[in-house]
């Protein structure tokens, strides 16, 4: 009798554990292994091998828009491997982006040049937010490996998107993703001039709001940074816990990246928050976008710094008559 009770007790504990596990990972709203891809959401010659989707020659397919019934809270994961590394090719892992400034895109390119690291692109509301090319993972100097599966994750909670590669945080966005009714394409490049990569898609899952993506590779940062963005601009920002601290905005081209490892941490130790926008001083940022970006916070100082690229421009491009009004406009906006 005691043995029978023990068996029942073990069975009950097992059922509770199984139930808890099921609650931790609810069934996906859409699953490549169980859902059909509508013919209207396929383009090019799509192959199927051992249950995997093979995309060659620019072929692509899409997850239907009704898989994203809760546009402010969802998680989508795509597991893919590159069959061959070919110079100057592009793989758009996820593209749920319309003609307007909305949605998101997750993509990577490959360059067969040791001086140029493969880049991963994260785009939200048509604003490109790259990570430093020296970062680790598929987008860093180590580069991707052929025939190796990588899992790309976009987790949107309360409208804010975070991007991961194999569970490693890649980019956090402090800007709400503007929803749309577009399907999410896999393999359809934004840049049609770039040759698409040939890839194998082994898994695609979309989860609803009842699933909260948590990665054990995501460490708590002592001084976390993210991105605030608007139409035509993106600003790297610190997490503000002391709003009364002075705020400095650095605006410059790639040479201003040199501030990140030394000046920004040093000023933070002095209780100064630093915001950073990487762009050419007169490189085509619309006046409205510049004013909106500079006016988002009350800046105490704005630092402008261009590097050697400016020396290549003719005087008509970087004339004082064009440059000074842009700087003045930014400084006026930052004082409002």
Protein backbone atom coordinates (compact mmCIF):
# COMPACT_ATOMS: atom_id res chain seq x y z
CA UNK A 1 0.00 0.00 0.00
CA UNK A 2 2.86 2.35 0.87
CA UNK A 3 4.53 1.49 -2.43
CA UNK A 4 1.34 2.37 -4.31
CA UNK A 5 1.10 5.72 -2.50
CA UNK A 6 4.69 6.51 -3.42
CA UNK A 7 3.95 5.72 -7.06
CA UNK A 8 0.92 8.03 -7.00
CA UNK A 9 2.95 10.78 -5.28
CA UNK A 10 5.74 10.53 -7.87
CA UNK A 11 3.15 10.59 -10.68
CA UNK A 12 1.50 13.73 -9.25
CA UNK A 13 4.88 15.50 -8.84
CA UNK A 14 5.79 14.50 -12.39
CA UNK A 15 2.52 15.90 -13.75
CA UNK A 16 3.01 19.18 -11.86
CA UNK A 17 6.57 19.49 -13.20
CA UNK A 18 5.39 18.74 -16.72
CA UNK A 19 2.64 21.32 -16.39
CA UNK A 20 5.09 23.95 -15.16
CA UNK A 21 7.40 23.22 -18.08
CA UNK A 22 4.52 23.55 -20.52
CA UNK A 23 3.58 26.90 -19.02
CA UNK A 24 7.14 28.13 -19.35
CA UNK A 25 7.16 27.44 -23.09
CA UNK A 26 3.63 27.70 -24.50
CA UNK A 27 2.91 26.41 -28.00
CA UNK A 28 3.86 28.84 -30.77
CA UNK A 29 1.24 30.76 -32.69
CA UNK A 30 2.99 29.78 -35.93
CA UNK A 31 5.49 26.96 -36.47
CA UNK A 32 7.33 26.09 -39.67
CA UNK A 33 7.17 22.40 -38.79
CA UNK A 34 3.38 22.40 -38.52
CA UNK A 35 2.02 25.29 -40.57
CA UNK A 36 1.78 25.51 -44.32
CA UNK A 37 3.34 28.42 -46.19
CA UNK A 38 0.65 29.95 -48.45
CA UNK A 39 1.58 29.99 -52.13
CA UNK A 40 1.10 33.76 -52.20
CA UNK A 41 3.85 34.07 -49.58
CA UNK A 42 6.46 32.18 -51.60
CA UNK A 43 8.76 33.58 -54.27
CA UNK A 44 11.42 31.91 -56.37
CA UNK A 45 12.34 28.25 -56.29
CA UNK A 46 11.94 26.99 -52.73
CA UNK A 47 13.43 23.59 -52.00
CA UNK A 48 12.61 21.18 -49.19
CA UNK A 49 15.20 18.75 -47.84
CA UNK A 50 14.70 16.64 -44.69
CA UNK A 51 11.99 18.98 -43.45
CA UNK A 52 14.15 22.08 -43.97
CA UNK A 53 13.50 24.97 -46.35
CA UNK A 54 16.32 25.63 -48.84
CA UNK A 55 16.50 29.15 -50.28
CA UNK A 56 18.72 29.62 -53.33
CA UNK A 57 18.97 32.26 -56.03
CA UNK A 58 16.94 34.84 -54.13
CA UNK A 59 14.04 32.58 -53.15
CA UNK A 60 12.02 33.70 -50.12
CA UNK A 61 8.94 32.91 -48.08
CA UNK A 62 6.91 34.68 -45.43
CA UNK A 63 5.11 34.08 -42.17
CA UNK A 64 1.47 35.27 -42.53
CA UNK A 65 0.59 38.57 -40.81
CA UNK A 66 -2.10 36.89 -38.68
CA UNK A 67 0.71 35.15 -36.76
CA UNK A 68 1.38 38.55 -35.18
CA UNK A 69 -2.01 39.16 -33.60
CA UNK A 70 -0.42 41.04 -30.70
CA UNK A 71 2.05 43.41 -32.43
CA UNK A 72 3.30 44.88 -29.16
CA UNK A 73 4.13 41.55 -27.49
CA UNK A 74 5.57 38.66 -29.45
CA UNK A 75 8.74 36.65 -29.98
CA UNK A 76 9.91 35.31 -33.34
CA UNK A 77 12.84 32.93 -33.84
CA UNK A 78 14.49 31.83 -37.08
CA UNK A 79 17.18 29.15 -37.17
CA UNK A 80 19.26 29.26 -40.34
CA UNK A 81 22.59 28.12 -41.73
CA UNK A 82 24.57 29.55 -44.63
CA UNK A 83 25.55 26.95 -47.21
CA UNK A 84 28.52 28.90 -48.61
CA UNK A 85 30.25 32.18 -47.76
CA UNK A 86 30.25 34.32 -50.91
CA UNK A 87 31.70 37.81 -51.04
CA UNK A 88 29.32 40.78 -50.98
CA UNK A 89 26.16 38.81 -50.23
CA UNK A 90 23.22 39.65 -47.99
CA UNK A 91 20.82 37.49 -45.98
CA UNK A 92 17.66 39.12 -44.67
CA UNK A 93 16.64 36.86 -41.81
CA UNK A 94 13.43 38.71 -40.98
CA UNK A 95 11.72 41.55 -42.80
CA UNK A 96 8.40 42.74 -41.45
CA UNK A 97 8.64 46.20 -42.86
CA UNK A 98 6.22 48.14 -45.04
CA UNK A 99 6.49 51.15 -47.32
CA UNK A 100 6.04 53.47 -44.35
CA UNK A 101 8.47 53.93 -41.46
CA UNK A 102 7.25 50.94 -39.49
CA UNK A 103 8.08 47.34 -38.59
CA UNK A 104 11.50 45.75 -38.23
CA UNK A 105 14.24 43.97 -40.18
CA UNK A 106 17.06 41.67 -39.05
CA UNK A 107 19.77 41.05 -41.67
CA UNK A 108 23.46 40.32 -42.14
CA UNK A 109 25.96 40.71 -44.95
CA UNK A 110 29.29 39.04 -45.69
CA UNK A 111 32.46 40.56 -47.12
CA UNK A 112 35.46 38.40 -47.98
CA UNK A 113 37.88 41.03 -46.74
CA UNK A 114 39.78 40.72 -43.43
CA UNK A 115 39.62 44.50 -43.01
CA UNK A 116 35.83 44.50 -43.08
CA UNK A 117 33.89 42.54 -40.48
CA UNK A 118 30.59 40.92 -41.45
CA UNK A 119 27.81 43.22 -40.36
CA UNK A 120 24.47 42.52 -38.77
CA UNK A 121 21.72 45.05 -39.40
CA UNK A 122 18.88 45.75 -37.00
CA UNK A 123 16.25 48.09 -38.40
CA UNK A 124 13.26 49.43 -36.49
CA UNK A 125 10.74 51.81 -38.05
CA UNK A 126 13.11 52.14 -41.03
CA UNK A 127 15.95 53.39 -38.77
CA UNK A 128 19.15 51.36 -39.07
CA UNK A 129 20.74 50.53 -35.73
CA UNK A 130 23.99 48.65 -36.21
CA UNK A 131 26.18 47.29 -33.47
CA UNK A 132 29.93 47.83 -33.37
CA UNK A 133 31.42 45.49 -35.98
CA UNK A 134 33.99 44.33 -33.43
CA UNK A 135 31.31 42.67 -31.34
CA UNK A 136 31.41 38.93 -30.82
CA UNK A 137 29.19 36.44 -32.57
CA UNK A 138 28.11 36.10 -36.16
CA UNK A 139 28.50 39.82 -36.81
CA UNK A 140 31.93 40.20 -35.24
CA UNK A 141 35.46 39.49 -36.35
CA UNK A 142 34.98 35.76 -35.85
CA UNK A 143 32.49 35.82 -38.70
CA UNK A 144 29.84 33.23 -39.59
CA UNK A 145 30.69 29.63 -40.41
CA UNK A 146 29.07 27.71 -43.26
CA UNK A 147 26.70 24.83 -42.52
CA UNK A 148 26.38 26.01 -38.92
CA UNK A 149 22.90 26.74 -37.55
CA UNK A 150 22.37 30.13 -35.89
CA UNK A 151 19.19 31.14 -34.11
CA UNK A 152 18.06 34.74 -34.57
CA UNK A 153 15.49 36.08 -32.11
CA UNK A 154 13.42 39.24 -32.05
CA UNK A 155 11.60 39.74 -28.76
CA UNK A 156 9.08 42.58 -28.56
CA UNK A 157 7.70 43.41 -25.10
CA UNK A 158 5.31 46.31 -24.64
CA UNK A 159 6.33 47.53 -28.09
CA UNK A 160 10.10 47.63 -27.46
CA UNK A 161 12.32 45.28 -29.48
CA UNK A 162 15.43 43.34 -28.48
CA UNK A 163 17.55 41.36 -30.95
CA UNK A 164 19.56 38.22 -30.14
CA UNK A 165 21.90 35.83 -31.96
CA UNK A 166 22.12 32.38 -30.33
CA UNK A 167 20.76 33.96 -27.17
CA UNK A 168 23.45 36.65 -27.06
CA UNK A 169 21.91 40.15 -26.88
CA UNK A 170 22.72 42.07 -30.03
CA UNK A 171 20.74 45.30 -29.81
CA UNK A 172 18.07 46.77 -27.57
CA UNK A 173 15.74 49.41 -28.90
CA UNK A 174 14.05 51.95 -26.63
CA UNK A 175 11.71 52.94 -29.48
CA UNK A 176 8.31 51.34 -29.90
CA UNK A 177 8.00 49.26 -33.05
CA UNK A 178 5.25 50.75 -35.21
CA UNK A 179 3.01 47.79 -36.09
CA UNK A 180 1.87 46.94 -39.60
CA UNK A 181 -0.17 44.29 -41.40
CA UNK A 182 2.76 43.03 -43.48
CA UNK A 183 3.87 39.38 -43.53
CA UNK A 184 7.35 38.63 -42.20
CA UNK A 185 9.60 37.67 -45.11
CA UNK A 186 12.62 35.41 -44.76
CA UNK A 187 15.22 35.73 -47.52
CA UNK A 188 13.76 38.80 -49.24
CA UNK A 189 16.46 41.46 -49.22
CA UNK A 190 15.85 45.15 -48.70
CA UNK A 191 18.82 45.92 -50.93
CA UNK A 192 17.92 44.26 -54.22
CA UNK A 193 21.31 45.09 -55.73
CA UNK A 194 23.13 42.78 -53.31
CA UNK A 195 23.35 39.12 -54.15
CA UNK A 196 21.31 37.02 -51.71
CA UNK A 197 22.96 34.27 -49.67
CA UNK A 198 21.95 30.66 -50.16
CA UNK A 199 20.64 29.44 -46.82
CA UNK A 200 18.86 26.53 -45.14
CA UNK A 201 16.00 27.39 -42.78
CA UNK A 202 15.49 24.64 -40.20
CA UNK A 203 13.09 26.32 -37.78
CA UNK A 204 10.73 29.29 -37.57
CA UNK A 205 8.49 29.97 -34.58
CA UNK A 206 6.30 32.89 -33.59
CA UNK A 207 5.09 33.13 -29.97
CA UNK A 208 2.34 35.33 -28.60
CA UNK A 209 2.24 37.52 -25.49
CA UNK A 210 2.04 34.55 -23.11
CA UNK A 211 5.68 33.70 -23.86
CA UNK A 212 8.39 35.90 -22.34
CA UNK A 213 11.76 35.26 -23.94
CA UNK A 214 14.59 35.05 -21.40
CA UNK A 215 18.18 34.22 -22.35
CA UNK A 216 20.66 32.87 -19.81
CA UNK A 217 23.36 34.58 -21.88
CA UNK A 218 21.93 38.01 -21.17
CA UNK A 219 23.95 39.42 -18.33
CA UNK A 220 22.89 42.34 -16.20
CA UNK A 221 24.94 45.32 -17.34
CA UNK A 222 26.27 47.76 -14.80
CA UNK A 223 25.68 50.68 -17.17
CA UNK A 224 23.21 49.51 -19.84
CA UNK A 225 22.76 51.46 -23.05
CA UNK A 226 20.12 51.27 -25.73
CA UNK A 227 18.69 53.24 -28.64
CA UNK A 228 16.03 55.91 -28.87
CA UNK A 229 15.02 56.68 -32.43
CA UNK A 230 12.56 58.58 -34.55
CA UNK A 231 11.94 59.20 -38.22
CA UNK A 232 15.35 59.58 -39.84
CA UNK A 233 17.46 59.50 -36.67
CA UNK A 234 18.76 57.18 -33.97
CA UNK A 235 20.52 58.09 -30.73
CA UNK A 236 22.58 55.77 -28.53
CA UNK A 237 21.47 56.55 -24.98
CA UNK A 238 22.35 55.56 -21.39
CA UNK A 239 19.85 54.25 -18.91
CA UNK A 240 18.91 57.35 -16.96
CA UNK A 241 18.51 56.78 -13.24
CA UNK A 242 19.50 60.29 -12.12
CA UNK A 243 17.68 62.80 -14.35
CA UNK A 244 19.37 65.76 -12.66
CA UNK A 245 22.84 64.78 -13.97
CA UNK A 246 24.28 66.88 -16.84
CA UNK A 247 23.70 65.49 -20.34
CA UNK A 248 26.11 65.70 -23.28
CA UNK A 249 25.38 64.73 -26.88
CA UNK A 250 28.25 63.68 -29.18
CA UNK A 251 27.46 64.02 -32.88
CA UNK A 252 30.08 62.90 -35.39
CA UNK A 253 31.13 60.37 -37.97
CA UNK A 254 33.00 57.10 -37.32
CA UNK A 255 35.90 58.86 -35.60
CA UNK A 256 33.55 59.70 -32.74
CA UNK A 257 33.33 55.96 -31.94
CA UNK A 258 36.67 56.48 -30.21
CA UNK A 259 34.82 58.23 -27.39
CA UNK A 260 32.90 55.10 -26.44
CA UNK A 261 35.60 53.09 -24.67
CA UNK A 262 37.19 55.90 -22.70
CA UNK A 263 35.41 59.26 -22.61
CA UNK A 264 31.85 58.03 -22.11
CA UNK A 265 32.73 55.74 -19.15
CA UNK A 266 34.98 58.43 -17.66
CA UNK A 267 32.22 61.04 -17.78
CA UNK A 268 29.74 58.58 -16.30
CA UNK A 269 32.06 58.25 -13.29
CA UNK A 270 31.81 62.05 -13.02
CA UNK A 271 27.99 61.80 -12.98
CA UNK A 272 27.57 62.96 -16.59
CA UNK A 273 25.35 61.14 -19.10
CA UNK A 274 26.63 60.97 -22.69
CA UNK A 275 24.40 60.43 -25.73
CA UNK A 276 25.92 59.49 -29.09
CA UNK A 277 24.82 59.85 -32.70
CA UNK A 278 27.15 58.51 -35.41
CA UNK A 279 26.63 60.48 -38.61
CA UNK A 280 28.38 62.95 -40.87
CA UNK A 281 28.10 66.54 -39.69
CA UNK A 282 26.50 67.56 -42.97
CA UNK A 283 25.72 64.11 -44.29
CA UNK A 284 22.10 64.47 -45.26
CA UNK A 285 20.30 64.30 -41.90
CA UNK A 286 17.10 66.30 -42.46
CA UNK A 287 16.81 69.48 -40.42
CA UNK A 288 13.55 68.26 -38.91
CA UNK A 289 15.15 64.98 -37.82
CA UNK A 290 18.13 66.79 -36.29
CA UNK A 291 15.88 69.13 -34.33
CA UNK A 292 13.69 66.27 -33.12
CA UNK A 293 16.71 64.25 -31.98
CA UNK A 294 18.47 67.16 -30.25
CA UNK A 295 15.20 68.27 -28.66
CA UNK A 296 14.40 64.89 -27.12
CA UNK A 297 16.56 65.69 -24.07
CA UNK A 298 17.75 68.84 -22.34
CA UNK A 299 21.43 68.77 -23.31
CA UNK A 300 23.99 70.84 -21.43
CA UNK A 301 26.57 70.48 -24.23
CA UNK A 302 26.71 69.19 -27.81
CA UNK A 303 30.03 68.02 -29.26
CA UNK A 304 30.50 67.94 -33.06
CA UNK A 305 33.42 65.96 -34.47
CA UNK A 306 34.06 64.81 -38.03
CA UNK A 307 37.08 62.80 -39.12
CA UNK A 308 39.13 62.50 -42.27
CA UNK A 309 36.11 61.74 -44.44
CA UNK A 310 35.26 65.45 -44.37
CA UNK A 311 38.56 66.29 -46.12
CA UNK A 312 37.35 64.42 -49.20
CA UNK A 313 34.28 66.62 -49.66
CA UNK A 314 34.40 69.68 -51.92
CA UNK A 315 33.91 73.10 -50.25
CA UNK A 316 30.39 73.42 -51.65
CA UNK A 317 29.38 70.29 -49.65
CA UNK A 318 30.79 71.29 -46.29
CA UNK A 319 30.78 75.03 -46.62
CA UNK A 320 30.45 77.09 -43.49
CA UNK A 321 27.24 78.48 -44.89
CA UNK A 322 25.65 75.03 -44.85
CA UNK A 323 27.36 73.60 -41.78
CA UNK A 324 26.82 76.32 -39.20
CA UNK A 325 23.01 76.57 -39.56
CA UNK A 326 22.71 72.83 -38.96
CA UNK A 327 24.83 73.01 -35.81
CA UNK A 328 22.98 76.08 -34.57
CA UNK A 329 19.63 74.39 -35.13
CA UNK A 330 20.74 71.34 -33.14
CA UNK A 331 22.02 73.46 -30.25
CA UNK A 332 18.82 75.53 -30.10
CA UNK A 333 16.73 72.35 -30.05
CA UNK A 334 18.87 70.80 -27.32
CA UNK A 335 18.29 73.77 -25.01
CA UNK A 336 14.49 73.64 -25.21
